[in-house]
Amino acid sequence: MRTLQDIERCRTYFERVYDETYSSIRRQVALKVRAVEDIEDILQDAYCEYYKSLLKRGIGFARGDRACI
């Protein structure tokens, strides 16, 4: 079970990774997805899964953040 400190550390780490990667990953998704309305759904799903993984495994597993997303 994660402590509140672990959860806060994951949240802070996630926010940093999100800010650093969102634009470039959005561009990559936009190149592959024809339906513009699906882009945000795909991004939301990807970042949600990434955050769940951070909470489950801790930030130590997330080396090469962009590759994880």
PDB file of N, CA and C in Angstrom:
ATOM      1  N   MET A   1       0.843  -1.183   0.000  1.00  0.00           N
ATOM      2  CA  MET A   1       0.000   0.000   0.000  1.00  0.00           C
ATOM      3  C   MET A   1       0.888   1.247   0.000  1.00  0.00           C
ATOM      4  N   ARG A   2       0.522   2.186  -0.791  1.00  0.00           N
ATOM      5  CA  ARG A   2       1.284   3.428  -0.927  1.00  0.00           C
ATOM      6  C   ARG A   2       0.932   4.409   0.182  1.00  0.00           C
ATOM      7  N   THR A   3       1.934   5.123   0.640  1.00  0.00           N
ATOM      8  CA  THR A   3       1.699   6.168   1.638  1.00  0.00           C
ATOM      9  C   THR A   3       1.237   7.436   0.920  1.00  0.00           C
ATOM     10  N   LEU A   4       0.742   8.378   1.690  1.00  0.00           N
ATOM     11  CA  LEU A   4       0.338   9.656   1.101  1.00  0.00           C
ATOM     12  C   LEU A   4       1.526  10.351   0.447  1.00  0.00           C
ATOM     13  N   GLN A   5       2.701  10.200   1.019  1.00  0.00           N
ATOM     14  CA  GLN A   5       3.909  10.791   0.429  1.00  0.00           C
ATOM     15  C   GLN A   5       4.220  10.167  -0.925  1.00  0.00           C
ATOM     16  N   ASP A   6       4.071   8.837  -1.021  1.00  0.00           N
ATOM     17  CA  ASP A   6       4.292   8.145  -2.290  1.00  0.00           C
ATOM     18  C   ASP A   6       3.306   8.637  -3.351  1.00  0.00           C
ATOM     19  N   ILE A   7       2.059   8.772  -2.961  1.00  0.00           N
ATOM     20  CA  ILE A   7       1.027   9.219  -3.892  1.00  0.00           C
ATOM     21  C   ILE A   7       1.308  10.643  -4.350  1.00  0.00           C
ATOM     22  N   GLU A   8       1.698  11.494  -3.423  1.00  0.00           N
ATOM     23  CA  GLU A   8       2.025  12.882  -3.774  1.00  0.00           C
ATOM     24  C   GLU A   8       3.239  12.933  -4.693  1.00  0.00           C
ATOM     25  N   ARG A   9       4.237  12.126  -4.425  1.00  0.00           N
ATOM     26  CA  ARG A   9       5.419  12.061  -5.273  1.00  0.00           C
ATOM     27  C   ARG A   9       5.045  11.608  -6.686  1.00  0.00           C
ATOM     28  N   CYS A  10       4.171  10.607  -6.782  1.00  0.00           N
ATOM     29  CA  CYS A  10       3.703  10.136  -8.089  1.00  0.00           C
ATOM     30  C   CYS A  10       2.938  11.226  -8.819  1.00  0.00           C
ATOM     31  N   ARG A  11       2.088  11.939  -8.112  1.00  0.00           N
ATOM     32  CA  ARG A  11       1.299  12.999  -8.727  1.00  0.00           C
ATOM     33  C   ARG A  11       2.201  14.098  -9.269  1.00  0.00           C
ATOM     34  N   THR A  12       3.159  14.523  -8.469  1.00  0.00           N
ATOM     35  CA  THR A  12       4.092  15.571  -8.881  1.00  0.00           C
ATOM     36  C   THR A  12       4.912  15.117 -10.089  1.00  0.00           C
ATOM     37  N   TYR A  13       5.390  13.891 -10.040  1.00  0.00           N
ATOM     38  CA  TYR A  13       6.172  13.334 -11.135  1.00  0.00           C
ATOM     39  C   TYR A  13       5.322  13.255 -12.403  1.00  0.00           C
ATOM     40  N   PHE A  14       4.097  12.759 -12.265  1.00  0.00           N
ATOM     41  CA  PHE A  14       3.195  12.650 -13.407  1.00  0.00           C
ATOM     42  C   PHE A  14       2.948  14.013 -14.043  1.00  0.00           C
ATOM     43  N   GLU A  15       2.686  15.009 -13.228  1.00  0.00           N
ATOM     44  CA  GLU A  15       2.418  16.349 -13.753  1.00  0.00           C
ATOM     45  C   GLU A  15       3.609  16.886 -14.544  1.00  0.00           C
ATOM     46  N   ARG A  16       4.811  16.629 -14.053  1.00  0.00           N
ATOM     47  CA  ARG A  16       6.005  17.073 -14.778  1.00  0.00           C
ATOM     48  C   ARG A  16       6.137  16.359 -16.117  1.00  0.00           C
ATOM     49  N   VAL A  17       5.965  15.036 -16.099  1.00  0.00           N
ATOM     50  CA  VAL A  17       6.055  14.255 -17.333  1.00  0.00           C
ATOM     51  C   VAL A  17       4.961  14.682 -18.315  1.00  0.00           C
ATOM     52  N   TYR A  18       3.760  14.870 -17.809  1.00  0.00           N
ATOM     53  CA  TYR A  18       2.642  15.303 -18.657  1.00  0.00           C
ATOM     54  C   TYR A  18       2.981  16.625 -19.341  1.00  0.00           C
ATOM     55  N   ASP A  19       3.446  17.591 -18.575  1.00  0.00           N
ATOM     56  CA  ASP A  19       3.784  18.907 -19.128  1.00  0.00           C
ATOM     57  C   ASP A  19       4.895  18.813 -20.168  1.00  0.00           C
ATOM     58  N   GLU A  20       5.854  17.936 -19.937  1.00  0.00           N
ATOM     59  CA  GLU A  20       7.004  17.815 -20.832  1.00  0.00           C
ATOM     60  C   GLU A  20       6.706  17.016 -22.100  1.00  0.00           C
ATOM     61  N   THR A  21       5.705  16.140 -22.058  1.00  0.00           N
ATOM     62  CA  THR A  21       5.484  15.227 -23.186  1.00  0.00           C
ATOM     63  C   THR A  21       4.193  15.459 -23.959  1.00  0.00           C
ATOM     64  N   TYR A  22       3.242  16.164 -23.384  1.00  0.00           N
ATOM     65  CA  TYR A  22       1.905  16.241 -23.983  1.00  0.00           C
ATOM     66  C   TYR A  22       1.919  16.736 -25.426  1.00  0.00           C
ATOM     67  N   SER A  23       2.586  17.832 -25.698  1.00  0.00           N
ATOM     68  CA  SER A  23       2.559  18.412 -27.052  1.00  0.00           C
ATOM     69  C   SER A  23       3.121  17.461 -28.097  1.00  0.00           C
ATOM     70  N   SER A  24       4.263  16.873 -27.809  1.00  0.00           N
ATOM     71  CA  SER A  24       4.874  15.990 -28.807  1.00  0.00           C
ATOM     72  C   SER A  24       4.070  14.707 -28.997  1.00  0.00           C
ATOM     73  N   ILE A  25       3.542  14.172 -27.920  1.00  0.00           N
ATOM     74  CA  ILE A  25       2.747  12.948 -28.052  1.00  0.00           C
ATOM     75  C   ILE A  25       1.429  13.249 -28.767  1.00  0.00           C
ATOM     76  N   ARG A  26       0.851  14.414 -28.501  1.00  0.00           N
ATOM     77  CA  ARG A  26      -0.375  14.802 -29.192  1.00  0.00           C
ATOM     78  C   ARG A  26      -0.125  14.896 -30.699  1.00  0.00           C
ATOM     79  N   ARG A  27       1.004  15.459 -31.082  1.00  0.00           N
ATOM     80  CA  ARG A  27       1.336  15.542 -32.509  1.00  0.00           C
ATOM     81  C   ARG A  27       1.458  14.151 -33.124  1.00  0.00           C
ATOM     82  N   GLN A  28       2.111  13.231 -32.408  1.00  0.00           N
ATOM     83  CA  GLN A  28       2.272  11.868 -32.921  1.00  0.00           C
ATOM     84  C   GLN A  28       0.923  11.181 -33.091  1.00  0.00           C
ATOM     85  N   VAL A  29       0.049  11.345 -32.099  1.00  0.00           N
ATOM     86  CA  VAL A  29      -1.279  10.731 -32.184  1.00  0.00           C
ATOM     87  C   VAL A  29      -2.063  11.354 -33.337  1.00  0.00           C
ATOM     88  N   ALA A  30      -1.976  12.660 -33.490  1.00  0.00           N
ATOM     89  CA  ALA A  30      -2.708  13.356 -34.553  1.00  0.00           C
ATOM     90  C   ALA A  30      -2.267  12.881 -35.931  1.00  0.00           C
ATOM     91  N   LEU A  31      -1.017  12.505 -36.083  1.00  0.00           N
ATOM     92  CA  LEU A  31      -0.538  11.997 -37.373  1.00  0.00           C
ATOM     93  C   LEU A  31      -1.127  10.633 -37.713  1.00  0.00           C
ATOM     94  N   LYS A  32      -1.487   9.885 -36.687  1.00  0.00           N
ATOM     95  CA  LYS A  32      -1.969   8.518 -36.912  1.00  0.00           C
ATOM     96  C   LYS A  32      -3.488   8.370 -36.870  1.00  0.00           C
ATOM     97  N   VAL A  33      -4.173   9.322 -36.261  1.00  0.00           N
ATOM     98  CA  VAL A  33      -5.613   9.213 -36.062  1.00  0.00           C
ATOM     99  C   VAL A  33      -6.327  10.197 -36.984  1.00  0.00           C
ATOM    100  N   ARG A  34      -7.236   9.715 -37.764  1.00  0.00           N
ATOM    101  CA  ARG A  34      -7.944  10.580 -38.709  1.00  0.00           C
ATOM    102  C   ARG A  34      -9.039  11.402 -38.030  1.00  0.00           C
ATOM    103  N   ALA A  35      -9.719  10.819 -37.090  1.00  0.00           N
ATOM    104  CA  ALA A  35     -10.839  11.498 -36.432  1.00  0.00           C
ATOM    105  C   ALA A  35     -10.302  12.398 -35.312  1.00  0.00           C
ATOM    106  N   VAL A  36     -10.381  13.684 -35.530  1.00  0.00           N
ATOM    107  CA  VAL A  36      -9.855  14.664 -34.574  1.00  0.00           C
ATOM    108  C   VAL A  36     -10.483  14.489 -33.199  1.00  0.00           C
ATOM    109  N   GLU A  37     -11.750  14.160 -33.160  1.00  0.00           N
ATOM    110  CA  GLU A  37     -12.434  14.011 -31.869  1.00  0.00           C
ATOM    111  C   GLU A  37     -11.912  12.831 -31.050  1.00  0.00           C
ATOM    112  N   ASP A  38     -11.213  11.907 -31.695  1.00  0.00           N
ATOM    113  CA  ASP A  38     -10.660  10.753 -30.978  1.00  0.00           C
ATOM    114  C   ASP A  38      -9.305  11.041 -30.334  1.00  0.00           C
ATOM    115  N   ILE A  39      -8.642  12.084 -30.779  1.00  0.00           N
ATOM    116  CA  ILE A  39      -7.289  12.374 -30.294  1.00  0.00           C
ATOM    117  C   ILE A  39      -7.267  12.569 -28.779  1.00  0.00           C
ATOM    118  N   GLU A  40      -8.144  13.411 -28.270  1.00  0.00           N
ATOM    119  CA  GLU A  40      -8.157  13.672 -26.824  1.00  0.00           C
ATOM    120  C   GLU A  40      -8.525  12.422 -26.025  1.00  0.00           C
ATOM    121  N   ASP A  41      -9.427  11.602 -26.555  1.00  0.00           N
ATOM    122  CA  ASP A  41      -9.787  10.358 -25.867  1.00  0.00           C
ATOM    123  C   ASP A  41      -8.589   9.422 -25.758  1.00  0.00           C
ATOM    124  N   ILE A  42      -7.855   9.310 -26.838  1.00  0.00           N
ATOM    125  CA  ILE A  42      -6.672   8.441 -26.848  1.00  0.00           C
ATOM    126  C   ILE A  42      -5.630   8.949 -25.861  1.00  0.00           C
ATOM    127  N   LEU A  43      -5.398  10.259 -25.874  1.00  0.00           N
ATOM    128  CA  LEU A  43      -4.433  10.839 -24.944  1.00  0.00           C
ATOM    129  C   LEU A  43      -4.860  10.648 -23.492  1.00  0.00           C
ATOM    130  N   GLN A  44      -6.135  10.854 -23.239  1.00  0.00           N
ATOM    131  CA  GLN A  44      -6.635  10.676 -21.875  1.00  0.00           C
ATOM    132  C   GLN A  44      -6.438   9.238 -21.416  1.00  0.00           C
ATOM    133  N   ASP A  45      -6.769   8.289 -22.264  1.00  0.00           N
ATOM    134  CA  ASP A  45      -6.591   6.880 -21.910  1.00  0.00           C
ATOM    135  C   ASP A  45      -5.118   6.550 -21.648  1.00  0.00           C
ATOM    136  N   ALA A  46      -4.237   7.042 -22.515  1.00  0.00           N
ATOM    137  CA  ALA A  46      -2.807   6.749 -22.380  1.00  0.00           C
ATOM    138  C   ALA A  46      -2.241   7.330 -21.087  1.00  0.00           C
ATOM    139  N   TYR A  47      -2.557   8.588 -20.811  1.00  0.00           N
ATOM    140  CA  TYR A  47      -2.025   9.215 -19.596  1.00  0.00           C
ATOM    141  C   TYR A  47      -2.664   8.632 -18.340  1.00  0.00           C
ATOM    142  N   CYS A  48      -3.893   8.229 -18.434  1.00  0.00           N
ATOM    143  CA  CYS A  48      -4.570   7.589 -17.288  1.00  0.00           C
ATOM    144  C   CYS A  48      -3.876   6.265 -16.940  1.00  0.00           C
ATOM    145  N   GLU A  49      -3.587   5.476 -17.951  1.00  0.00           N
ATOM    146  CA  GLU A  49      -2.904   4.201 -17.729  1.00  0.00           C
ATOM    147  C   GLU A  49      -1.502   4.425 -17.181  1.00  0.00           C
ATOM    148  N   TYR A  50      -0.828   5.441 -17.681  1.00  0.00           N
ATOM    149  CA  TYR A  50       0.512   5.773 -17.187  1.00  0.00           C
ATOM    150  C   TYR A  50       0.450   6.148 -15.706  1.00  0.00           C
ATOM    151  N   TYR A  51      -0.518   6.968 -15.339  1.00  0.00           N
ATOM    152  CA  TYR A  51      -0.653   7.383 -13.933  1.00  0.00           C
ATOM    153  C   TYR A  51      -0.969   6.183 -13.036  1.00  0.00           C
ATOM    154  N   LYS A  52      -1.844   5.314 -13.496  1.00  0.00           N
ATOM    155  CA  LYS A  52      -2.151   4.106 -12.715  1.00  0.00           C
ATOM    156  C   LYS A  52      -0.902   3.256 -12.516  1.00  0.00           C
ATOM    157  N   SER A  53      -0.078   3.153 -13.561  1.00  0.00           N
ATOM    158  CA  SER A  53       1.170   2.393 -13.451  1.00  0.00           C
ATOM    159  C   SER A  53       2.120   3.030 -12.450  1.00  0.00           C
ATOM    160  N   LEU A  54       2.187   4.362 -12.456  1.00  0.00           N
ATOM    161  CA  LEU A  54       3.025   5.051 -11.475  1.00  0.00           C
ATOM    162  C   LEU A  54       2.568   4.742 -10.063  1.00  0.00           C
ATOM    163  N   LEU A  55       1.257   4.788  -9.840  1.00  0.00           N
ATOM    164  CA  LEU A  55       0.734   4.512  -8.501  1.00  0.00           C
ATOM    165  C   LEU A  55       0.996   3.071  -8.082  1.00  0.00           C
ATOM    166  N   LYS A  56       0.888   2.162  -9.029  1.00  0.00           N
ATOM    167  CA  LYS A  56       1.056   0.745  -8.718  1.00  0.00           C
ATOM    168  C   LYS A  56       2.531   0.364  -8.533  1.00  0.00           C
ATOM    169  N   ARG A  57       3.389   0.847  -9.430  1.00  0.00           N
ATOM    170  CA  ARG A  57       4.791   0.425  -9.437  1.00  0.00           C
ATOM    171  C   ARG A  57       5.750   1.435  -8.827  1.00  0.00           C
ATOM    172  N   GLY A  58       5.299   2.660  -8.673  1.00  0.00           N
ATOM    173  CA  GLY A  58       6.183   3.715  -8.183  1.00  0.00           C
ATOM    174  C   GLY A  58       6.930   4.370  -9.337  1.00  0.00           C
ATOM    175  N   ILE A  59       7.546   5.501  -9.055  1.00  0.00           N
ATOM    176  CA  ILE A  59       8.188   6.248 -10.125  1.00  0.00           C
ATOM    177  C   ILE A  59       9.503   5.612 -10.574  1.00  0.00           C
ATOM    178  N   GLY A  60      10.006   4.669  -9.826  1.00  0.00           N
ATOM    179  CA  GLY A  60      11.247   3.994 -10.208  1.00  0.00           C
ATOM    180  C   GLY A  60      11.141   3.216 -11.502  1.00  0.00           C
ATOM    181  N   PHE A  61       9.958   2.748 -11.856  1.00  0.00           N
ATOM    182  CA  PHE A  61       9.793   1.970 -13.084  1.00  0.00           C
ATOM    183  C   PHE A  61       9.812   2.858 -14.314  1.00  0.00           C
ATOM    184  N   ALA A  62       9.569   4.133 -14.164  1.00  0.00           N
ATOM    185  CA  ALA A  62       9.327   5.031 -15.290  1.00  0.00           C
ATOM    186  C   ALA A  62      10.611   5.662 -15.810  1.00  0.00           C
ATOM    187  N   ARG A  63      11.483   4.869 -16.330  1.00  0.00           N
ATOM    188  CA  ARG A  63      12.671   5.398 -16.987  1.00  0.00           C
ATOM    189  C   ARG A  63      12.343   5.484 -18.473  1.00  0.00           C
ATOM    190  N   GLY A  64      12.643   6.593 -19.080  1.00  0.00           N
ATOM    191  CA  GLY A  64      12.242   6.801 -20.468  1.00  0.00           C
ATOM    192  C   GLY A  64      10.761   7.065 -20.525  1.00  0.00           C
ATOM    193  N   ASP A  65      10.333   8.124 -19.853  1.00  0.00           N
ATOM    194  CA  ASP A  65       8.912   8.428 -19.672  1.00  0.00           C
ATOM    195  C   ASP A  65       8.117   8.408 -20.970  1.00  0.00           C
ATOM    196  N   ARG A  66       8.674   8.976 -21.987  1.00  0.00           N
ATOM    197  CA  ARG A  66       7.966   9.053 -23.265  1.00  0.00           C
ATOM    198  C   ARG A  66       7.663   7.663 -23.808  1.00  0.00           C
ATOM    199  N   ALA A  67       8.596   6.742 -23.652  1.00  0.00           N
ATOM    200  CA  ALA A  67       8.380   5.373 -24.100  1.00  0.00           C
ATOM    201  C   ALA A  67       7.285   4.679 -23.311  1.00  0.00           C
ATOM    202  N   CYS A  68       7.135   5.045 -22.031  1.00  0.00           N
ATOM    203  CA  CYS A  68       6.100   4.440 -21.195  1.00  0.00           C
ATOM    204  C   CYS A  68       4.700   4.860 -21.636  1.00  0.00           C
ATOM    205  N   ILE A  69       4.593   6.076 -22.112  1.00  0.00           N
ATOM    206  CA  ILE A  69       3.292   6.604 -22.502  1.00  0.00           C
ATOM    207  C   ILE A  69       2.977   6.096 -23.875  1.00  0.00           C
TER     208      ILE A  69
END
